[in-house]
Structure formats: C-alpha cells, structure tokens
Protein backbone atom coordinates (compact mmCIF):
# COMPACT_ATOMS: atom_id res chain seq x y z
CA MET A 1 0.00 0.00 0.00
CA ILE A 2 2.82 2.39 0.84
CA ILE A 3 4.57 1.56 -2.46
CA LEU A 4 1.36 2.30 -4.35
CA ALA A 5 1.05 5.62 -2.52
CA TRP A 6 4.63 6.57 -3.48
CA ILE A 7 3.99 5.66 -7.14
CA LEU A 8 0.84 7.80 -7.18
CA LEU A 9 2.73 10.61 -5.47
CA VAL A 10 5.44 10.61 -8.16
CA LEU A 11 2.95 10.35 -11.04
CA PHE A 12 0.77 13.20 -9.79
CA SER A 13 3.85 15.35 -9.09
CA ILE A 14 5.03 14.86 -12.68
CA LYS A 15 1.52 15.57 -13.99
CA ALA A 16 1.28 18.76 -11.93
CA ILE A 17 4.66 19.98 -13.24
CA ILE A 18 3.68 19.25 -16.85
CA ASN A 19 0.37 21.07 -16.39
CA ALA A 20 2.11 24.07 -14.82
CA VAL A 21 4.50 24.28 -17.80
CA ALA A 22 1.54 23.96 -20.18
CA VAL A 23 -0.20 26.86 -18.43
CA ILE A 24 2.84 29.05 -19.08
CA TYR A 25 3.41 28.13 -22.73
CA ARG A 26 -0.07 27.53 -24.15
CA GLU A 27 -2.48 30.14 -25.37
CA GLY A 28 -6.20 30.36 -24.75
CA VAL A 29 -7.96 31.18 -21.52
CA GLU A 30 -10.00 27.96 -21.44
CA THR A 31 -6.91 25.79 -21.88
CA ARG A 32 -5.06 27.69 -19.16
CA LEU A 33 -8.03 27.41 -16.80
CA ASP A 34 -8.33 23.69 -17.49
CA HIS A 35 -4.64 23.08 -16.80
CA ALA A 36 -4.72 25.28 -13.70
CA ILE A 37 -7.61 23.26 -12.27
CA SER A 38 -5.77 20.03 -13.10
CA SER A 39 -2.65 21.33 -11.37
CA ILE A 40 -4.62 22.28 -8.27
CA VAL A 41 -6.26 18.85 -8.11
CA GLY A 42 -2.89 17.17 -8.63
CA GLY A 43 -1.38 19.28 -5.86
CA LEU A 44 -4.17 18.34 -3.47
CA VAL A 45 -3.70 14.66 -4.25
CA VAL A 46 0.03 14.98 -3.56
CA TYR A 47 -0.70 16.79 -0.29
CA PHE A 48 -3.08 14.06 0.89
CA MET A 49 -0.65 11.33 -0.18
CA ILE A 50 2.10 12.95 1.90
CA SER A 51 -0.30 13.24 4.84
CA PHE A 52 -1.22 9.57 4.43
CA LEU A 53 2.43 8.50 4.34
CA ARG A 54 3.18 10.42 7.56
CA MET A 55 0.47 8.54 9.47
C-alpha cells in the first residue's frame, strides 16, 4: 500500500509539473483554466498522499 502511494505521489507530481508548464506556454484562456484546475487537483492529491504517508 505504501509503495502504491509513493507511485501515485510521483505520477501526480510529474503531472502537476507538466500542467504548470503547459499553463505558461499555451495560449487560450479555457486551456489555461483547465490546466490550472488540473494542477490544483494534482497538488491536493500529492498533499493528501504525503499526509497519508506520515500517518
């Protein structure tokens, strides 16, 4: 279970970084908003995974 949590943590961290870069380089307000929301959700998942691993 802990290994699965670490894998998800790494995957969502990479996804959040890619989305943040996409927000900077892409044009279009809708695309930026979509990627920003995805980054926020990814960040929350990472936060809860870290909290879970500390328990």
